[in-house]
Amino acid sequence: MDERARRVGRNEALFRTINEEIEKLEQASPFPQEDLVIVCECGDLRCEERFSVPVPGYEDVRADPALFFVLPGHEKPDVEDVVDRAEAYFVVRKRAGDPARIAEATDPRS
C-alpha cells in the first residue's frame, strides 16, 4: 500500500475515534438527542465539517469496522465505495486489502 493510502486510513480512523467520543458524551447526557452531530470521517485532516446522523443509523454503521461516514464529494474512490446515501452524508466501505485491514485494526469497538 502506498503512503497516501496509509495516511488516509489513519486520518479516517482518527475522525471515527472522535465521533465515538462524541457518542459517549451524548449517551451520558441527561437529555439525549435523536440525532448525533458528528465530524466527517473523510481522509482529509483539514476537513472540519459536521452533520447529523440518526443514532440508530450511527450504531448500524459502527457495527462494521469497514464503514465510515463522509460528506458527499469527500469519498475516496481509490480506497472505498459508497454503499449508502442519505441527504446529508454518504456511508462508504473500505475496499478489501490494506484499506479494510487498517479500518479493522483501528476500530475502537474491537
PDB file of N, CA and C in Angstrom:
ATOM      1  N   MET A   1       0.856  -1.172   0.000  1.00  0.00           N
ATOM      2  CA  MET A   1       0.000   0.000   0.000  1.00  0.00           C
ATOM      3  C   MET A   1       0.899   1.231   0.000  1.00  0.00           C
ATOM      4  N   ASP A   2       0.487   2.251  -0.726  1.00  0.00           N
ATOM      5  CA  ASP A   2       1.295   3.461  -0.774  1.00  0.00           C
ATOM      6  C   ASP A   2       1.071   4.318   0.479  1.00  0.00           C
ATOM      7  N   GLU A   3       1.973   5.268   0.662  1.00  0.00           N
ATOM      8  CA  GLU A   3       1.921   6.119   1.860  1.00  0.00           C
ATOM      9  C   GLU A   3       0.636   6.942   1.922  1.00  0.00           C
ATOM     10  N   ARG A   4       0.147   7.414   0.773  1.00  0.00           N
ATOM     11  CA  ARG A   4      -1.084   8.199   0.760  1.00  0.00           C
ATOM     12  C   ARG A   4      -2.250   7.382   1.298  1.00  0.00           C
ATOM     13  N   ALA A   5      -2.386   6.150   0.861  1.00  0.00           N
ATOM     14  CA  ALA A   5      -3.483   5.294   1.325  1.00  0.00           C
ATOM     15  C   ALA A   5      -3.374   5.046   2.824  1.00  0.00           C
ATOM     16  N   ARG A   6      -2.166   4.854   3.329  1.00  0.00           N
ATOM     17  CA  ARG A   6      -1.984   4.670   4.785  1.00  0.00           C
ATOM     18  C   ARG A   6      -2.385   5.930   5.545  1.00  0.00           C
ATOM     19  N   ARG A   7      -1.965   7.081   5.027  1.00  0.00           N
ATOM     20  CA  ARG A   7      -2.288   8.348   5.687  1.00  0.00           C
ATOM     21  C   ARG A   7      -3.797   8.572   5.705  1.00  0.00           C
ATOM     22  N   VAL A   8      -4.461   8.323   4.584  1.00  0.00           N
ATOM     23  CA  VAL A   8      -5.916   8.470   4.512  1.00  0.00           C
ATOM     24  C   VAL A   8      -6.577   7.551   5.534  1.00  0.00           C
ATOM     25  N   GLY A   9      -6.124   6.306   5.607  1.00  0.00           N
ATOM     26  CA  GLY A   9      -6.689   5.353   6.569  1.00  0.00           C
ATOM     27  C   GLY A   9      -6.515   5.798   8.009  1.00  0.00           C
ATOM     28  N   ARG A  10      -5.344   6.317   8.336  1.00  0.00           N
ATOM     29  CA  ARG A  10      -5.110   6.803   9.709  1.00  0.00           C
ATOM     30  C   ARG A  10      -5.978   8.016  10.013  1.00  0.00           C
ATOM     31  N   ASN A  11      -6.111   8.911   9.052  1.00  0.00           N
ATOM     32  CA  ASN A  11      -6.933  10.107   9.261  1.00  0.00           C
ATOM     33  C   ASN A  11      -8.393   9.733   9.486  1.00  0.00           C
ATOM     34  N   GLU A  12      -8.900   8.817   8.667  1.00  0.00           N
ATOM     35  CA  GLU A  12     -10.285   8.397   8.823  1.00  0.00           C
ATOM     36  C   GLU A  12     -10.505   7.723  10.174  1.00  0.00           C
ATOM     37  N   ALA A  13      -9.541   6.928  10.601  1.00  0.00           N
ATOM     38  CA  ALA A  13      -9.640   6.269  11.904  1.00  0.00           C
ATOM     39  C   ALA A  13      -9.669   7.301  13.031  1.00  0.00           C
ATOM     40  N   LEU A  14      -8.884   8.353  12.895  1.00  0.00           N
ATOM     41  CA  LEU A  14      -8.872   9.416  13.904  1.00  0.00           C
ATOM     42  C   LEU A  14     -10.251  10.058  14.024  1.00  0.00           C
ATOM     43  N   PHE A  15     -10.866  10.389  12.888  1.00  0.00           N
ATOM     44  CA  PHE A  15     -12.184  11.016  12.929  1.00  0.00           C
ATOM     45  C   PHE A  15     -13.242  10.055  13.476  1.00  0.00           C
ATOM     46  N   ARG A  16     -13.113   8.782  13.170  1.00  0.00           N
ATOM     47  CA  ARG A  16     -14.061   7.801  13.714  1.00  0.00           C
ATOM     48  C   ARG A  16     -13.935   7.766  15.238  1.00  0.00           C
ATOM     49  N   THR A  17     -12.717   7.814  15.755  1.00  0.00           N
ATOM     50  CA  THR A  17     -12.496   7.815  17.203  1.00  0.00           C
ATOM     51  C   THR A  17     -13.095   9.063  17.843  1.00  0.00           C
ATOM     52  N   ILE A  18     -12.946  10.192  17.193  1.00  0.00           N
ATOM     53  CA  ILE A  18     -13.554  11.433  17.700  1.00  0.00           C
ATOM     54  C   ILE A  18     -15.072  11.272  17.772  1.00  0.00           C
ATOM     55  N   ASN A  19     -15.667  10.706  16.740  1.00  0.00           N
ATOM     56  CA  ASN A  19     -17.119  10.515  16.735  1.00  0.00           C
ATOM     57  C   ASN A  19     -17.566   9.530  17.807  1.00  0.00           C
ATOM     58  N   GLU A  20     -16.761   8.537  18.080  1.00  0.00           N
ATOM     59  CA  GLU A  20     -17.097   7.612  19.164  1.00  0.00           C
ATOM     60  C   GLU A  20     -17.108   8.342  20.511  1.00  0.00           C
ATOM     61  N   GLU A  21     -16.192   9.272  20.703  1.00  0.00           N
ATOM     62  CA  GLU A  21     -16.180  10.064  21.946  1.00  0.00           C
ATOM     63  C   GLU A  21     -17.402  10.980  22.011  1.00  0.00           C
ATOM     64  N   ILE A  22     -17.776  11.566  20.882  1.00  0.00           N
ATOM     65  CA  ILE A  22     -18.984  12.393  20.837  1.00  0.00           C
ATOM     66  C   ILE A  22     -20.193  11.553  21.229  1.00  0.00           C
ATOM     67  N   GLU A  23     -20.265  10.336  20.703  1.00  0.00           N
ATOM     68  CA  GLU A  23     -21.398   9.471  21.033  1.00  0.00           C
ATOM     69  C   GLU A  23     -21.415   9.123  22.525  1.00  0.00           C
ATOM     70  N   LYS A  24     -20.262   8.840  23.112  1.00  0.00           N
ATOM     71  CA  LYS A  24     -20.206   8.536  24.545  1.00  0.00           C
ATOM     72  C   LYS A  24     -20.716   9.711  25.367  1.00  0.00           C
ATOM     73  N   LEU A  25     -20.318  10.915  24.995  1.00  0.00           N
ATOM     74  CA  LEU A  25     -20.787  12.100  25.713  1.00  0.00           C
ATOM     75  C   LEU A  25     -22.300  12.261  25.568  1.00  0.00           C
ATOM     76  N   GLU A  26     -22.807  11.995  24.385  1.00  0.00           N
ATOM     77  CA  GLU A  26     -24.250  12.103  24.163  1.00  0.00           C
ATOM     78  C   GLU A  26     -25.007  11.068  24.986  1.00  0.00           C
ATOM     79  N   GLN A  27     -24.487   9.854  25.064  1.00  0.00           N
ATOM     80  CA  GLN A  27     -25.136   8.805  25.850  1.00  0.00           C
ATOM     81  C   GLN A  27     -25.176   9.159  27.327  1.00  0.00           C
ATOM     82  N   ALA A  28     -24.170   9.877  27.788  1.00  0.00           N
ATOM     83  CA  ALA A  28     -24.102  10.255  29.199  1.00  0.00           C
ATOM     84  C   ALA A  28     -24.966  11.470  29.519  1.00  0.00           C
ATOM     85  N   SER A  29     -25.472  12.128  28.501  1.00  0.00           N
ATOM     86  CA  SER A  29     -26.278  13.330  28.693  1.00  0.00           C
ATOM     87  C   SER A  29     -27.627  12.979  29.320  1.00  0.00           C
ATOM     88  N   PRO A  30     -28.096  13.818  30.234  1.00  0.00           N
ATOM     89  CA  PRO A  30     -29.428  13.576  30.797  1.00  0.00           C
ATOM     90  C   PRO A  30     -30.544  13.860  29.780  1.00  0.00           C
ATOM     91  N   PHE A  31     -30.200  14.503  28.675  1.00  0.00           N
ATOM     92  CA  PHE A  31     -31.171  14.839  27.639  1.00  0.00           C
ATOM     93  C   PHE A  31     -30.663  14.343  26.280  1.00  0.00           C
ATOM     94  N   PRO A  32     -30.626  13.029  26.071  1.00  0.00           N
ATOM     95  CA  PRO A  32     -30.102  12.505  24.808  1.00  0.00           C
ATOM     96  C   PRO A  32     -30.942  12.959  23.610  1.00  0.00           C
ATOM     97  N   GLN A  33     -30.262  13.175  22.515  1.00  0.00           N
ATOM     98  CA  GLN A  33     -30.904  13.619  21.283  1.00  0.00           C
ATOM     99  C   GLN A  33     -31.178  12.430  20.363  1.00  0.00           C
ATOM    100  N   GLU A  34     -32.084  12.611  19.416  1.00  0.00           N
ATOM    101  CA  GLU A  34     -32.380  11.565  18.436  1.00  0.00           C
ATOM    102  C   GLU A  34     -31.306  11.486  17.365  1.00  0.00           C
ATOM    103  N   ASP A  35     -30.631  12.616  17.120  1.00  0.00           N
ATOM    104  CA  ASP A  35     -29.557  12.671  16.135  1.00  0.00           C
ATOM    105  C   ASP A  35     -28.240  12.977  16.824  1.00  0.00           C
ATOM    106  N   LEU A  36     -27.185  12.491  16.224  1.00  0.00           N
ATOM    107  CA  LEU A  36     -25.836  12.713  16.721  1.00  0.00           C
ATOM    108  C   LEU A  36     -25.126  13.621  15.722  1.00  0.00           C
ATOM    109  N   VAL A  37     -24.549  14.719  16.174  1.00  0.00           N
ATOM    110  CA  VAL A  37     -23.791  15.594  15.288  1.00  0.00           C
ATOM    111  C   VAL A  37     -22.350  15.107  15.310  1.00  0.00           C
ATOM    112  N   ILE A  38     -21.884  14.622  14.154  1.00  0.00           N
ATOM    113  CA  ILE A  38     -20.546  14.036  14.066  1.00  0.00           C
ATOM    114  C   ILE A  38     -19.698  14.808  13.056  1.00  0.00           C
ATOM    115  N   VAL A  39     -18.393  14.526  13.080  1.00  0.00           N
ATOM    116  CA  VAL A  39     -17.479  15.109  12.100  1.00  0.00           C
ATOM    117  C   VAL A  39     -17.351  14.160  10.917  1.00  0.00           C
ATOM    118  N   CYS A  40     -17.095  14.738   9.767  1.00  0.00           N
ATOM    119  CA  CYS A  40     -16.880  13.953   8.560  1.00  0.00           C
ATOM    120  C   CYS A  40     -15.670  13.043   8.778  1.00  0.00           C
ATOM    121  N   GLU A  41     -15.807  11.787   8.391  1.00  0.00           N
ATOM    122  CA  GLU A  41     -14.741  10.803   8.593  1.00  0.00           C
ATOM    123  C   GLU A  41     -13.911  10.594   7.330  1.00  0.00           C
ATOM    124  N   CYS A  42     -13.834  11.640   6.510  1.00  0.00           N
ATOM    125  CA  CYS A  42     -13.028  11.535   5.297  1.00  0.00           C
ATOM    126  C   CYS A  42     -11.540  11.553   5.666  1.00  0.00           C
ATOM    127  N   GLY A  43     -10.707  11.306   4.708  1.00  0.00           N
ATOM    128  CA  GLY A  43      -9.274  11.202   4.958  1.00  0.00           C
ATOM    129  C   GLY A  43      -8.528  12.518   4.999  1.00  0.00           C
ATOM    130  N   ASP A  44      -9.223  13.643   4.886  1.00  0.00           N
ATOM    131  CA  ASP A  44      -8.584  14.951   4.861  1.00  0.00           C
ATOM    132  C   ASP A  44      -8.567  15.548   6.270  1.00  0.00           C
ATOM    133  N   LEU A  45      -7.380  15.641   6.863  1.00  0.00           N
ATOM    134  CA  LEU A  45      -7.274  16.186   8.225  1.00  0.00           C
ATOM    135  C   LEU A  45      -7.738  17.634   8.323  1.00  0.00           C
ATOM    136  N   ARG A  46      -7.779  18.351   7.218  1.00  0.00           N
ATOM    137  CA  ARG A  46      -8.224  19.746   7.240  1.00  0.00           C
ATOM    138  C   ARG A  46      -9.748  19.859   7.270  1.00  0.00           C
ATOM    139  N   CYS A  47     -10.447  18.771   6.999  1.00  0.00           N
ATOM    140  CA  CYS A  47     -11.913  18.794   6.988  1.00  0.00           C
ATOM    141  C   CYS A  47     -12.424  18.900   8.425  1.00  0.00           C
ATOM    142  N   GLU A  48     -13.253  19.882   8.658  1.00  0.00           N
ATOM    143  CA  GLU A  48     -13.853  20.084   9.979  1.00  0.00           C
ATOM    144  C   GLU A  48     -15.372  20.110   9.890  1.00  0.00           C
ATOM    145  N   GLU A  49     -15.906  19.622   8.789  1.00  0.00           N
ATOM    146  CA  GLU A  49     -17.349  19.712   8.576  1.00  0.00           C
ATOM    147  C   GLU A  49     -18.097  18.699   9.433  1.00  0.00           C
ATOM    148  N   ARG A  50     -19.303  19.096   9.832  1.00  0.00           N
ATOM    149  CA  ARG A  50     -20.143  18.276  10.706  1.00  0.00           C
ATOM    150  C   ARG A  50     -21.517  18.092  10.068  1.00  0.00           C
ATOM    151  N   PHE A  51     -22.173  17.036  10.488  1.00  0.00           N
ATOM    152  CA  PHE A  51     -23.529  16.770  10.029  1.00  0.00           C
ATOM    153  C   PHE A  51     -24.218  15.866  11.033  1.00  0.00           C
ATOM    154  N   SER A  52     -25.547  15.781  10.925  1.00  0.00           N
ATOM    155  CA  SER A  52     -26.344  14.982  11.853  1.00  0.00           C
ATOM    156  C   SER A  52     -26.623  13.602  11.274  1.00  0.00           C
ATOM    157  N   VAL A  53     -26.580  12.614  12.163  1.00  0.00           N
ATOM    158  CA  VAL A  53     -26.873  11.226  11.814  1.00  0.00           C
ATOM    159  C   VAL A  53     -27.835  10.693  12.870  1.00  0.00           C
ATOM    160  N   PRO A  54     -28.919  10.033  12.475  1.00  0.00           N
ATOM    161  CA  PRO A  54     -29.796   9.426  13.485  1.00  0.00           C
ATOM    162  C   PRO A  54     -29.007   8.395  14.307  1.00  0.00           C
ATOM    163  N   VAL A  55     -29.210   8.381  15.601  1.00  0.00           N
ATOM    164  CA  VAL A  55     -28.452   7.484  16.478  1.00  0.00           C
ATOM    165  C   VAL A  55     -28.561   6.022  16.034  1.00  0.00           C
ATOM    166  N   PRO A  56     -29.747   5.508  15.692  1.00  0.00           N
ATOM    167  CA  PRO A  56     -29.791   4.103  15.246  1.00  0.00           C
ATOM    168  C   PRO A  56     -28.947   3.861  13.981  1.00  0.00           C
ATOM    169  N   GLY A  57     -28.950   4.817  13.058  1.00  0.00           N
ATOM    170  CA  GLY A  57     -28.128   4.690  11.853  1.00  0.00           C
ATOM    171  C   GLY A  57     -26.651   4.721  12.169  1.00  0.00           C
ATOM    172  N   TYR A  58     -26.276   5.549  13.148  1.00  0.00           N
ATOM    173  CA  TYR A  58     -24.881   5.604  13.574  1.00  0.00           C
ATOM    174  C   TYR A  58     -24.463   4.238  14.111  1.00  0.00           C
ATOM    175  N   GLU A  59     -25.301   3.655  14.935  1.00  0.00           N
ATOM    176  CA  GLU A  59     -24.988   2.342  15.515  1.00  0.00           C
ATOM    177  C   GLU A  59     -24.899   1.261  14.446  1.00  0.00           C
ATOM    178  N   ASP A  60     -25.772   1.319  13.455  1.00  0.00           N
ATOM    179  CA  ASP A  60     -25.724   0.333  12.372  1.00  0.00           C
ATOM    180  C   ASP A  60     -24.391   0.390  11.643  1.00  0.00           C
ATOM    181  N   VAL A  61     -23.917   1.586  11.341  1.00  0.00           N
ATOM    182  CA  VAL A  61     -22.639   1.734  10.628  1.00  0.00           C
ATOM    183  C   VAL A  61     -21.485   1.288  11.516  1.00  0.00           C
ATOM    184  N   ARG A  62     -21.539   1.619  12.783  1.00  0.00           N
ATOM    185  CA  ARG A  62     -20.442   1.259  13.687  1.00  0.00           C
ATOM    186  C   ARG A  62     -20.332  -0.247  13.913  1.00  0.00           C
ATOM    187  N   ALA A  63     -21.358  -0.996  13.573  1.00  0.00           N
ATOM    188  CA  ALA A  63     -21.299  -2.453  13.728  1.00  0.00           C
ATOM    189  C   ALA A  63     -20.318  -3.085  12.746  1.00  0.00           C
ATOM    190  N   ASP A  64     -19.918  -2.364  11.713  1.00  0.00           N
ATOM    191  CA  ASP A  64     -18.985  -2.874  10.702  1.00  0.00           C
ATOM    192  C   ASP A  64     -17.768  -1.955  10.656  1.00  0.00           C
ATOM    193  N   PRO A  65     -16.584  -2.429  11.054  1.00  0.00           N
ATOM    194  CA  PRO A  65     -15.414  -1.557  11.103  1.00  0.00           C
ATOM    195  C   PRO A  65     -14.956  -1.025   9.750  1.00  0.00           C
ATOM    196  N   ALA A  66     -15.461  -1.568   8.652  1.00  0.00           N
ATOM    197  CA  ALA A  66     -15.059  -1.105   7.324  1.00  0.00           C
ATOM    198  C   ALA A  66     -15.922   0.057   6.829  1.00  0.00           C
ATOM    199  N   LEU A  67     -16.939   0.473   7.618  1.00  0.00           N
ATOM    200  CA  LEU A  67     -17.848   1.537   7.203  1.00  0.00           C
ATOM    201  C   LEU A  67     -17.511   2.861   7.876  1.00  0.00           C
ATOM    202  N   PHE A  68     -17.642   3.944   7.099  1.00  0.00           N
ATOM    203  CA  PHE A  68     -17.351   5.291   7.588  1.00  0.00           C
ATOM    204  C   PHE A  68     -18.385   6.262   7.039  1.00  0.00           C
ATOM    205  N   PHE A  69     -18.602   7.386   7.760  1.00  0.00           N
ATOM    206  CA  PHE A  69     -19.489   8.458   7.333  1.00  0.00           C
ATOM    207  C   PHE A  69     -18.659   9.562   6.675  1.00  0.00           C
ATOM    208  N   VAL A  70     -19.073   9.996   5.493  1.00  0.00           N
ATOM    209  CA  VAL A  70     -18.409  11.120   4.828  1.00  0.00           C
ATOM    210  C   VAL A  70     -19.455  12.009   4.168  1.00  0.00           C
ATOM    211  N   LEU A  71     -19.092  13.234   3.958  1.00  0.00           N
ATOM    212  CA  LEU A  71     -19.959  14.144   3.216  1.00  0.00           C
ATOM    213  C   LEU A  71     -19.891  13.806   1.733  1.00  0.00           C
ATOM    214  N   PRO A  72     -20.975  14.050   1.000  1.00  0.00           N
ATOM    215  CA  PRO A  72     -20.916  13.839  -0.449  1.00  0.00           C
ATOM    216  C   PRO A  72     -19.763  14.636  -1.054  1.00  0.00           C
ATOM    217  N   GLY A  73     -18.995  13.981  -1.887  1.00  0.00           N
ATOM    218  CA  GLY A  73     -17.825  14.601  -2.500  1.00  0.00           C
ATOM    219  C   GLY A  73     -16.543  14.359  -1.732  1.00  0.00           C
ATOM    220  N   HIS A  74     -16.642  13.830  -0.510  1.00  0.00           N
ATOM    221  CA  HIS A  74     -15.460  13.572   0.308  1.00  0.00           C
ATOM    222  C   HIS A  74     -14.995  12.119   0.222  1.00  0.00           C
ATOM    223  N   GLU A  75     -15.728  11.299  -0.517  1.00  0.00           N
ATOM    224  CA  GLU A  75     -15.341   9.897  -0.651  1.00  0.00           C
ATOM    225  C   GLU A  75     -14.044   9.797  -1.469  1.00  0.00           C
ATOM    226  N   LYS A  76     -13.282   8.724  -1.230  1.00  0.00           N
ATOM    227  CA  LYS A  76     -12.010   8.465  -1.918  1.00  0.00           C
ATOM    228  C   LYS A  76     -12.188   7.201  -2.755  1.00  0.00           C
ATOM    229  N   PRO A  77     -12.552   7.345  -4.032  1.00  0.00           N
ATOM    230  CA  PRO A  77     -12.890   6.180  -4.863  1.00  0.00           C
ATOM    231  C   PRO A  77     -11.761   5.159  -5.024  1.00  0.00           C
ATOM    232  N   ASP A  78     -10.519   5.553  -4.763  1.00  0.00           N
ATOM    233  CA  ASP A  78      -9.425   4.595  -4.913  1.00  0.00           C
ATOM    234  C   ASP A  78      -9.308   3.643  -3.730  1.00  0.00           C
ATOM    235  N   VAL A  79      -9.964   3.938  -2.590  1.00  0.00           N
ATOM    236  CA  VAL A  79      -9.859   3.065  -1.419  1.00  0.00           C
ATOM    237  C   VAL A  79     -11.205   2.670  -0.809  1.00  0.00           C
ATOM    238  N   GLU A  80     -12.319   3.236  -1.325  1.00  0.00           N
ATOM    239  CA  GLU A  80     -13.614   2.964  -0.722  1.00  0.00           C
ATOM    240  C   GLU A  80     -14.729   3.107  -1.743  1.00  0.00           C
ATOM    241  N   ASP A  81     -15.858   2.486  -1.427  1.00  0.00           N
ATOM    242  CA  ASP A  81     -17.045   2.548  -2.279  1.00  0.00           C
ATOM    243  C   ASP A  81     -18.216   3.092  -1.470  1.00  0.00           C
ATOM    244  N   VAL A  82     -19.033   3.920  -2.088  1.00  0.00           N
ATOM    245  CA  VAL A  82     -20.255   4.415  -1.444  1.00  0.00           C
ATOM    246  C   VAL A  82     -21.255   3.269  -1.406  1.00  0.00           C
ATOM    247  N   VAL A  83     -21.739   2.953  -0.194  1.00  0.00           N
ATOM    248  CA  VAL A  83     -22.695   1.854  -0.037  1.00  0.00           C
ATOM    249  C   VAL A  83     -24.072   2.332   0.421  1.00  0.00           C
ATOM    250  N   ASP A  84     -24.164   3.588   0.860  1.00  0.00           N
ATOM    251  CA  ASP A  84     -25.448   4.148   1.272  1.00  0.00           C
ATOM    252  C   ASP A  84     -25.378   5.658   1.106  1.00  0.00           C
ATOM    253  N   ARG A  85     -26.505   6.244   0.726  1.00  0.00           N
ATOM    254  CA  ARG A  85     -26.577   7.689   0.523  1.00  0.00           C
ATOM    255  C   ARG A  85     -27.760   8.247   1.305  1.00  0.00           C
ATOM    256  N   ALA A  86     -27.475   9.201   2.147  1.00  0.00           N
ATOM    257  CA  ALA A  86     -28.520   9.967   2.825  1.00  0.00           C
ATOM    258  C   ALA A  86     -28.443  11.381   2.266  1.00  0.00           C
ATOM    259  N   GLU A  87     -29.392  12.200   2.624  1.00  0.00           N
ATOM    260  CA  GLU A  87     -29.381  13.566   2.101  1.00  0.00           C
ATOM    261  C   GLU A  87     -28.125  14.326   2.515  1.00  0.00           C
ATOM    262  N   ALA A  88     -27.699  14.163   3.763  1.00  0.00           N
ATOM    263  CA  ALA A  88     -26.585  14.954   4.287  1.00  0.00           C
ATOM    264  C   ALA A  88     -25.238  14.248   4.258  1.00  0.00           C
ATOM    265  N   TYR A  89     -25.212  12.942   4.020  1.00  0.00           N
ATOM    266  CA  TYR A  89     -23.946  12.211   4.105  1.00  0.00           C
ATOM    267  C   TYR A  89     -24.003  10.923   3.291  1.00  0.00           C
ATOM    268  N   PHE A  90     -22.831  10.352   3.065  1.00  0.00           N
ATOM    269  CA  PHE A  90     -22.692   9.027   2.457  1.00  0.00           C
ATOM    270  C   PHE A  90     -22.088   8.096   3.492  1.00  0.00           C
ATOM    271  N   VAL A  91     -22.344   6.803   3.334  1.00  0.00           N
ATOM    272  CA  VAL A  91     -21.636   5.766   4.082  1.00  0.00           C
ATOM    273  C   VAL A  91     -20.752   5.069   3.061  1.00  0.00           C
ATOM    274  N   VAL A  92     -19.459   4.963   3.391  1.00  0.00           N
ATOM    275  CA  VAL A  92     -18.507   4.312   2.492  1.00  0.00           C
ATOM    276  C   VAL A  92     -17.939   3.067   3.156  1.00  0.00           C
ATOM    277  N   ARG A  93     -17.599   2.092   2.311  1.00  0.00           N
ATOM    278  CA  ARG A  93     -16.974   0.854   2.781  1.00  0.00           C
ATOM    279  C   ARG A  93     -15.560   0.799   2.227  1.00  0.00           C
ATOM    280  N   LYS A  94     -14.618   0.539   3.122  1.00  0.00           N
ATOM    281  CA  LYS A  94     -13.230   0.371   2.705  1.00  0.00           C
ATOM    282  C   LYS A  94     -13.118  -0.872   1.839  1.00  0.00           C
ATOM    283  N   ARG A  95     -12.327  -0.770   0.806  1.00  0.00           N
ATOM    284  CA  ARG A  95     -12.124  -1.914  -0.083  1.00  0.00           C
ATOM    285  C   ARG A  95     -11.282  -2.975   0.593  1.00  0.00           C
ATOM    286  N   ALA A  96     -11.472  -4.212   0.137  1.00  0.00           N
ATOM    287  CA  ALA A  96     -10.697  -5.339   0.662  1.00  0.00           C
ATOM    288  C   ALA A  96      -9.198  -5.061   0.492  1.00  0.00           C
ATOM    289  N   GLY A  97      -8.417  -5.670   1.349  1.00  0.00           N
ATOM    290  CA  GLY A  97      -6.975  -5.464   1.309  1.00  0.00           C
ATOM    291  C   GLY A  97      -6.554  -4.483   2.387  1.00  0.00           C
ATOM    292  N   ASP A  98      -5.533  -3.700   2.099  1.00  0.00           N
ATOM    293  CA  ASP A  98      -4.983  -2.785   3.098  1.00  0.00           C
ATOM    294  C   ASP A  98      -5.995  -1.781   3.642  1.00  0.00           C
ATOM    295  N   PRO A  99      -6.843  -1.147   2.798  1.00  0.00           N
ATOM    296  CA  PRO A  99      -7.806  -0.200   3.380  1.00  0.00           C
ATOM    297  C   PRO A  99      -8.713  -0.846   4.435  1.00  0.00           C
ATOM    298  N   ALA A 100      -9.225  -2.033   4.152  1.00  0.00           N
ATOM    299  CA  ALA A 100     -10.092  -2.720   5.117  1.00  0.00           C
ATOM    300  C   ALA A 100      -9.299  -3.174   6.342  1.00  0.00           C
ATOM    301  N   ARG A 101      -8.067  -3.600   6.148  1.00  0.00           N
ATOM    302  CA  ARG A 101      -7.244  -4.027   7.298  1.00  0.00           C
ATOM    303  C   ARG A 101      -6.956  -2.876   8.243  1.00  0.00           C
ATOM    304  N   ILE A 102      -6.647  -1.715   7.697  1.00  0.00           N
ATOM    305  CA  ILE A 102      -6.409  -0.528   8.541  1.00  0.00           C
ATOM    306  C   ILE A 102      -7.683  -0.174   9.298  1.00  0.00           C
ATOM    307  N   ALA A 103      -8.816  -0.183   8.612  1.00  0.00           N
ATOM    308  CA  ALA A 103     -10.096   0.149   9.262  1.00  0.00           C
ATOM    309  C   ALA A 103     -10.381  -0.804  10.413  1.00  0.00           C
ATOM    310  N   GLU A 104     -10.159  -2.083  10.206  1.00  0.00           N
ATOM    311  CA  GLU A 104     -10.422  -3.072  11.245  1.00  0.00           C
ATOM    312  C   GLU A 104      -9.430  -2.935  12.407  1.00  0.00           C
ATOM    313  N   ALA A 105      -8.154  -2.728  12.093  1.00  0.00           N
ATOM    314  CA  ALA A 105      -7.128  -2.629  13.146  1.00  0.00           C
ATOM    315  C   ALA A 105      -7.321  -1.406  14.026  1.00  0.00           C
ATOM    316  N   THR A 106      -7.950  -0.361  13.493  1.00  0.00           N
ATOM    317  CA  THR A 106      -8.123   0.885  14.253  1.00  0.00           C
ATOM    318  C   THR A 106      -9.538   1.045  14.805  1.00  0.00           C
ATOM    319  N   ASP A 107     -10.358   0.027  14.691  1.00  0.00           N
ATOM    320  CA  ASP A 107     -11.745   0.108  15.154  1.00  0.00           C
ATOM    321  C   ASP A 107     -11.790   0.201  16.674  1.00  0.00           C
ATOM    322  N   PRO A 108     -12.300   1.319  17.218  1.00  0.00           N
ATOM    323  CA  PRO A 108     -12.348   1.463  18.675  1.00  0.00           C
ATOM    324  C   PRO A 108     -13.310   0.494  19.358  1.00  0.00           C
ATOM    325  N   ARG A 109     -14.178  -0.162  18.614  1.00  0.00           N
ATOM    326  CA  ARG A 109     -15.127  -1.107  19.210  1.00  0.00           C
ATOM    327  C   ARG A 109     -14.635  -2.542  19.168  1.00  0.00           C
ATOM    328  N   SER A 110     -13.465  -2.772  18.617  1.00  0.00           N
ATOM    329  CA  SER A 110     -12.945  -4.149  18.546  1.00  0.00           C
ATOM    330  C   SER A 110     -12.126  -4.491  19.774  1.00  0.00           C
TER     331      SER A 110
END
